[in-house]
Amino acid sequence: MHQPAPAGRLGRAARLLAAAALLLAARPLLALDSDSEQPMFVEADAAELDEKQSISLYIGNVEVQQGSMRIWADEVLVHHQPNRQPRKIIAIGNPVRYRQLLEDDPQEVRARALRMEYEAVSEEITLIDEAELIQGEDRFRSDRIVYNRLTDRLTAGSSARGRERVKIRIEPQGEGQSGDDSGDQ
């Protein structure tokens, strides 16, 4: 028979959860500023362009690159602005994969989902279905994860209009990696 946890253990769990939240807040996903200023390159097995509707469709082994940002997918649909720059990118794959370098961090952020949508103007990336975002050893999993690069805000699960609970794994930092630069001097 399962015994309820003593109050001390519940308090410790609450403190660990609070510490985990602080760790996440201390490590925002800051994509390289220069990436959005770089040209975008697309490679695929086939392409269809519709100038009237301002869309282009890329099919088969699609790779999109802009600066350090890379997207791999089975199919990519690009909605263009009047100046022909991307307005919205919808990528579908099994899975779609995403990687990008971060400011002041040698590790890149990695993500995967069955569908990924990128809104260029708001710089918002939405991962849909079997979504996972990885930064270092930390992982976020849900059916829907939304990351806004301008506001450095990540939402997942019901707060991102998802249906599933969020699963997060946070690895403890080793000695000397506390993220606190105010050490004894």
C-alpha atoms as a PDB file:
ATOM      1  CA  MET A   1       0.000   0.000   0.000  1.00  0.00           C
ATOM      2  CA  HIS A   2       1.289   3.443  -0.960  1.00  0.00           C
ATOM      3  CA  GLN A   3       2.048   5.768   1.978  1.00  0.00           C
ATOM      4  CA  PRO A   4       1.735   9.531   1.477  1.00  0.00           C
ATOM      5  CA  ALA A   5       5.078  11.336   1.330  1.00  0.00           C
ATOM      6  CA  PRO A   6       6.155  13.120   4.493  1.00  0.00           C
ATOM      7  CA  ALA A   7       5.717  16.896   4.435  1.00  0.00           C
ATOM      8  CA  GLY A   8       9.512  17.357   4.348  1.00  0.00           C
ATOM      9  CA  ARG A   9       9.792  15.381   1.100  1.00  0.00           C
ATOM     10  CA  LEU A  10       6.959  17.394  -0.451  1.00  0.00           C
ATOM     11  CA  GLY A  11       8.712  20.627   0.525  1.00  0.00           C
ATOM     12  CA  ARG A  12      11.954  19.356  -1.021  1.00  0.00           C
ATOM     13  CA  ALA A  13      10.106  18.443  -4.239  1.00  0.00           C
ATOM     14  CA  ALA A  14       8.574  21.929  -4.357  1.00  0.00           C
ATOM     15  CA  ARG A  15      12.033  23.498  -3.877  1.00  0.00           C
ATOM     16  CA  LEU A  16      13.484  21.299  -6.642  1.00  0.00           C
ATOM     17  CA  LEU A  17      10.634  22.296  -8.963  1.00  0.00           C
ATOM     18  CA  ALA A  18      11.231  25.978  -8.160  1.00  0.00           C
ATOM     19  CA  ALA A  19      14.968  25.530  -8.799  1.00  0.00           C
ATOM     20  CA  ALA A  20      14.184  23.866 -12.135  1.00  0.00           C
ATOM     21  CA  ALA A  21      11.980  26.804 -13.113  1.00  0.00           C
ATOM     22  CA  LEU A  22      14.792  29.224 -12.221  1.00  0.00           C
ATOM     23  CA  LEU A  23      17.252  27.191 -14.296  1.00  0.00           C
ATOM     24  CA  LEU A  24      14.943  27.403 -17.309  1.00  0.00           C
ATOM     25  CA  ALA A  25      14.474  31.121 -16.808  1.00  0.00           C
ATOM     26  CA  ALA A  26      18.241  31.586 -16.627  1.00  0.00           C
ATOM     27  CA  ARG A  27      18.838  29.859 -19.970  1.00  0.00           C
ATOM     28  CA  PRO A  28      16.594  31.521 -22.572  1.00  0.00           C
ATOM     29  CA  LEU A  29      16.760  30.342 -26.171  1.00  0.00           C
ATOM     30  CA  LEU A  30      18.450  33.330 -27.811  1.00  0.00           C
ATOM     31  CA  ALA A  31      18.926  32.563 -31.497  1.00  0.00           C
ATOM     32  CA  LEU A  32      21.732  34.320 -33.338  1.00  0.00           C
ATOM     33  CA  ASP A  33      20.560  37.812 -34.292  1.00  0.00           C
ATOM     34  CA  SER A  34      22.501  37.658 -37.556  1.00  0.00           C
ATOM     35  CA  ASP A  35      20.558  34.589 -38.796  1.00  0.00           C
ATOM     36  CA  SER A  36      17.477  36.599 -39.786  1.00  0.00           C
ATOM     37  CA  GLU A  37      19.668  38.926 -41.862  1.00  0.00           C
ATOM     38  CA  GLN A  38      21.170  36.078 -43.919  1.00  0.00           C
ATOM     39  CA  PRO A  39      19.815  34.839 -47.261  1.00  0.00           C
ATOM     40  CA  MET A  40      17.636  31.723 -47.167  1.00  0.00           C
ATOM     41  CA  PHE A  41      18.680  28.687 -49.224  1.00  0.00           C
ATOM     42  CA  VAL A  42      16.360  25.792 -50.091  1.00  0.00           C
ATOM     43  CA  GLU A  43      17.258  22.438 -51.665  1.00  0.00           C
ATOM     44  CA  ALA A  44      14.725  19.734 -52.618  1.00  0.00           C
ATOM     45  CA  ASP A  45      14.062  16.914 -55.067  1.00  0.00           C
ATOM     46  CA  ALA A  46      11.281  18.962 -56.709  1.00  0.00           C
ATOM     47  CA  ALA A  47       9.847  22.492 -56.554  1.00  0.00           C
ATOM     48  CA  GLU A  48       6.596  24.130 -57.631  1.00  0.00           C
ATOM     49  CA  LEU A  49       6.295  27.925 -57.737  1.00  0.00           C
ATOM     50  CA  ASP A  50       2.996  29.817 -57.967  1.00  0.00           C
ATOM     51  CA  GLU A  51       3.679  33.538 -58.454  1.00  0.00           C
ATOM     52  CA  LYS A  52      -0.054  34.468 -58.438  1.00  0.00           C
ATOM     53  CA  GLN A  53      -0.615  32.962 -54.985  1.00  0.00           C
ATOM     54  CA  SER A  54       2.890  33.910 -53.761  1.00  0.00           C
ATOM     55  CA  ILE A  55       3.684  30.376 -52.636  1.00  0.00           C
ATOM     56  CA  SER A  56       6.377  27.831 -53.364  1.00  0.00           C
ATOM     57  CA  LEU A  57       6.263  24.125 -52.573  1.00  0.00           C
ATOM     58  CA  TYR A  58       9.382  22.011 -52.120  1.00  0.00           C
ATOM     59  CA  ILE A  59       9.027  18.235 -52.099  1.00  0.00           C
ATOM     60  CA  GLY A  60      11.408  15.420 -51.163  1.00  0.00           C
ATOM     61  CA  ASN A  61      14.521  15.639 -48.973  1.00  0.00           C
ATOM     62  CA  VAL A  62      14.010  19.345 -48.350  1.00  0.00           C
ATOM     63  CA  GLU A  63      16.712  21.331 -46.576  1.00  0.00           C
ATOM     64  CA  VAL A  64      16.251  24.991 -45.622  1.00  0.00           C
ATOM     65  CA  GLN A  65      19.200  27.027 -44.369  1.00  0.00           C
ATOM     66  CA  GLN A  66      19.387  30.620 -43.150  1.00  0.00           C
ATOM     67  CA  GLY A  67      22.547  31.498 -41.270  1.00  0.00           C
ATOM     68  CA  SER A  68      22.943  28.849 -38.557  1.00  0.00           C
ATOM     69  CA  MET A  69      19.260  27.800 -38.791  1.00  0.00           C
ATOM     70  CA  ARG A  70      18.615  24.533 -40.615  1.00  0.00           C
ATOM     71  CA  ILE A  71      15.344  22.700 -41.269  1.00  0.00           C
ATOM     72  CA  TRP A  72      15.061  19.226 -42.794  1.00  0.00           C
ATOM     73  CA  ALA A  73      11.651  17.981 -43.948  1.00  0.00           C
ATOM     74  CA  ASP A  74       9.809  15.818 -46.457  1.00  0.00           C
ATOM     75  CA  GLU A  75       7.792  18.793 -47.730  1.00  0.00           C
ATOM     76  CA  VAL A  76       8.010  22.555 -47.235  1.00  0.00           C
ATOM     77  CA  LEU A  77       5.418  25.165 -48.248  1.00  0.00           C
ATOM     78  CA  VAL A  78       6.588  28.800 -48.260  1.00  0.00           C
ATOM     79  CA  HIS A  79       4.138  31.721 -48.305  1.00  0.00           C
ATOM     80  CA  HIS A  80       5.943  34.793 -49.641  1.00  0.00           C
ATOM     81  CA  GLN A  81       5.594  38.493 -48.878  1.00  0.00           C
ATOM     82  CA  PRO A  82       5.277  40.905 -51.837  1.00  0.00           C
ATOM     83  CA  ASN A  83       9.079  41.413 -51.710  1.00  0.00           C
ATOM     84  CA  ARG A  84       9.459  37.601 -52.137  1.00  0.00           C
ATOM     85  CA  GLN A  85      10.849  37.137 -48.634  1.00  0.00           C
ATOM     86  CA  PRO A  86       9.291  34.254 -46.659  1.00  0.00           C
ATOM     87  CA  ARG A  87       6.214  35.232 -44.626  1.00  0.00           C
ATOM     88  CA  LYS A  88       5.342  31.743 -43.345  1.00  0.00           C
ATOM     89  CA  ILE A  89       7.044  28.373 -43.706  1.00  0.00           C
ATOM     90  CA  ILE A  90       5.161  25.129 -43.097  1.00  0.00           C
ATOM     91  CA  ALA A  91       7.304  21.993 -42.945  1.00  0.00           C
ATOM     92  CA  ILE A  92       5.970  18.440 -42.778  1.00  0.00           C
ATOM     93  CA  GLY A  93       8.069  15.356 -42.148  1.00  0.00           C
ATOM     94  CA  ASN A  94       8.510  12.144 -40.302  1.00  0.00           C
ATOM     95  CA  PRO A  95       9.848  14.061 -38.427  1.00  0.00           C
ATOM     96  CA  VAL A  96      10.765  17.616 -39.378  1.00  0.00           C
ATOM     97  CA  ARG A  97      14.121  18.454 -37.782  1.00  0.00           C
ATOM     98  CA  TYR A  98      15.393  21.897 -36.773  1.00  0.00           C
ATOM     99  CA  ARG A  99      18.779  23.129 -35.495  1.00  0.00           C
ATOM    100  CA  GLN A 100      20.088  26.587 -34.703  1.00  0.00           C
ATOM    101  CA  LEU A 101      23.031  28.119 -32.869  1.00  0.00           C
ATOM    102  CA  LEU A 102      22.319  30.328 -29.869  1.00  0.00           C
ATOM    103  CA  GLU A 103      23.859  33.623 -28.754  1.00  0.00           C
ATOM    104  CA  ASP A 104      26.591  33.123 -26.131  1.00  0.00           C
ATOM    105  CA  ASP A 105      26.130  29.326 -26.076  1.00  0.00           C
ATOM    106  CA  PRO A 106      28.329  26.791 -27.866  1.00  0.00           C
ATOM    107  CA  GLN A 107      25.456  24.280 -27.987  1.00  0.00           C
ATOM    108  CA  GLU A 108      22.706  24.554 -30.549  1.00  0.00           C
ATOM    109  CA  VAL A 109      18.990  24.222 -29.935  1.00  0.00           C
ATOM    110  CA  ARG A 110      17.486  21.174 -31.654  1.00  0.00           C
ATOM    111  CA  ALA A 111      13.850  20.378 -32.289  1.00  0.00           C
ATOM    112  CA  ARG A 112      11.704  17.804 -34.031  1.00  0.00           C
ATOM    113  CA  ALA A 113       8.007  17.357 -34.730  1.00  0.00           C
ATOM    114  CA  LEU A 114       5.726  15.966 -37.425  1.00  0.00           C
ATOM    115  CA  ARG A 115       4.838  19.550 -38.428  1.00  0.00           C
ATOM    116  CA  MET A 116       6.651  22.819 -37.939  1.00  0.00           C
ATOM    117  CA  GLU A 117       5.352  26.305 -38.738  1.00  0.00           C
ATOM    118  CA  TYR A 118       7.566  29.381 -38.803  1.00  0.00           C
ATOM    119  CA  GLU A 119       6.107  32.911 -38.910  1.00  0.00           C
ATOM    120  CA  ALA A 120       8.895  35.176 -40.197  1.00  0.00           C
ATOM    121  CA  VAL A 121       7.445  38.538 -39.098  1.00  0.00           C
ATOM    122  CA  SER A 122       6.810  37.472 -35.483  1.00  0.00           C
ATOM    123  CA  GLU A 123       9.771  35.016 -35.547  1.00  0.00           C
ATOM    124  CA  GLU A 124       7.604  32.349 -33.935  1.00  0.00           C
ATOM    125  CA  ILE A 125       8.251  28.632 -34.381  1.00  0.00           C
ATOM    126  CA  THR A 126       5.429  26.188 -33.637  1.00  0.00           C
ATOM    127  CA  LEU A 127       6.191  22.472 -33.307  1.00  0.00           C
ATOM    128  CA  ILE A 128       3.083  20.318 -33.707  1.00  0.00           C
ATOM    129  CA  ASP A 129       2.553  16.604 -32.956  1.00  0.00           C
ATOM    130  CA  GLU A 130       5.268  14.531 -31.284  1.00  0.00           C
ATOM    131  CA  ALA A 131       7.114  17.798 -30.583  1.00  0.00           C
ATOM    132  CA  GLU A 132      10.442  17.831 -28.781  1.00  0.00           C
ATOM    133  CA  LEU A 133      12.821  20.724 -28.146  1.00  0.00           C
ATOM    134  CA  ILE A 134      16.333  20.100 -26.793  1.00  0.00           C
ATOM    135  CA  GLN A 135      18.783  22.657 -25.421  1.00  0.00           C
ATOM    136  CA  GLY A 136      21.941  21.089 -24.064  1.00  0.00           C
ATOM    137  CA  GLU A 137      20.770  18.177 -21.925  1.00  0.00           C
ATOM    138  CA  ASP A 138      17.369  19.749 -21.165  1.00  0.00           C
ATOM    139  CA  ARG A 139      14.348  18.418 -23.083  1.00  0.00           C
ATOM    140  CA  PHE A 140      10.765  19.598 -23.546  1.00  0.00           C
ATOM    141  CA  ARG A 141       8.141  17.246 -24.993  1.00  0.00           C
ATOM    142  CA  SER A 142       4.498  17.883 -25.798  1.00  0.00           C
ATOM    143  CA  ASP A 143       2.048  17.696 -28.671  1.00  0.00           C
ATOM    144  CA  ARG A 144       2.564  21.450 -29.238  1.00  0.00           C
ATOM    145  CA  ILE A 145       5.513  23.721 -28.420  1.00  0.00           C
ATOM    146  CA  VAL A 146       5.646  27.396 -29.406  1.00  0.00           C
ATOM    147  CA  TYR A 147       8.891  29.379 -29.272  1.00  0.00           C
ATOM    148  CA  ASN A 148       8.950  33.099 -30.002  1.00  0.00           C
ATOM    149  CA  ARG A 149      12.477  34.204 -30.921  1.00  0.00           C
ATOM    150  CA  LEU A 150      11.695  37.926 -30.434  1.00  0.00           C
ATOM    151  CA  THR A 151      10.350  37.625 -26.899  1.00  0.00           C
ATOM    152  CA  ASP A 152      12.482  34.579 -25.963  1.00  0.00           C
ATOM    153  CA  ARG A 153       9.327  32.885 -24.693  1.00  0.00           C
ATOM    154  CA  LEU A 154       8.606  29.171 -24.872  1.00  0.00           C
ATOM    155  CA  THR A 155       5.145  27.743 -24.213  1.00  0.00           C
ATOM    156  CA  ALA A 156       4.067  24.132 -24.373  1.00  0.00           C
ATOM    157  CA  GLY A 157       1.040  21.946 -23.719  1.00  0.00           C
ATOM    158  CA  SER A 158      -2.279  23.632 -22.966  1.00  0.00           C
ATOM    159  CA  SER A 159      -0.685  27.101 -22.719  1.00  0.00           C
ATOM    160  CA  ALA A 160       0.327  26.625 -26.378  1.00  0.00           C
ATOM    161  CA  ARG A 161      -3.175  25.341 -27.305  1.00  0.00           C
ATOM    162  CA  GLY A 162      -1.977  21.733 -27.067  1.00  0.00           C
ATOM    163  CA  ARG A 163      -3.904  18.733 -25.755  1.00  0.00           C
ATOM    164  CA  GLU A 164      -1.150  16.843 -23.934  1.00  0.00           C
ATOM    165  CA  ARG A 165       0.776  17.467 -20.753  1.00  0.00           C
ATOM    166  CA  VAL A 166       4.308  18.828 -21.017  1.00  0.00           C
ATOM    167  CA  LYS A 167       7.208  16.534 -20.171  1.00  0.00           C
ATOM    168  CA  ILE A 168      10.445  18.280 -19.176  1.00  0.00           C
ATOM    169  CA  ARG A 169      13.817  16.784 -18.278  1.00  0.00           C
ATOM    170  CA  ILE A 170      16.283  19.178 -16.688  1.00  0.00           C
ATOM    171  CA  GLU A 171      19.828  17.998 -16.093  1.00  0.00           C
ATOM    172  CA  PRO A 172      21.637  19.396 -13.065  1.00  0.00           C
ATOM    173  CA  GLN A 173      24.562  21.638 -13.849  1.00  0.00           C
ATOM    174  CA  GLY A 174      27.994  20.365 -12.860  1.00  0.00           C
ATOM    175  CA  GLU A 175      30.311  22.257 -10.490  1.00  0.00           C
ATOM    176  CA  GLY A 176      31.455  25.541 -11.951  1.00  0.00           C
ATOM    177  CA  GLN A 177      28.431  25.652 -14.310  1.00  0.00           C
ATOM    178  CA  SER A 178      25.933  27.315 -12.003  1.00  0.00           C
ATOM    179  CA  GLY A 179      25.251  30.127 -14.468  1.00  0.00           C
ATOM    180  CA  ASP A 180      26.001  32.625 -11.677  1.00  0.00           C
ATOM    181  CA  ASP A 181      28.774  35.000 -12.719  1.00  0.00           C
ATOM    182  CA  SER A 182      28.823  36.776  -9.343  1.00  0.00           C
ATOM    183  CA  GLY A 183      31.290  34.365  -7.728  1.00  0.00           C
ATOM    184  CA  ASP A 184      33.702  35.300  -4.929  1.00  0.00           C
ATOM    185  CA  GLN A 185      36.331  37.773  -6.036  1.00  0.00           C
END
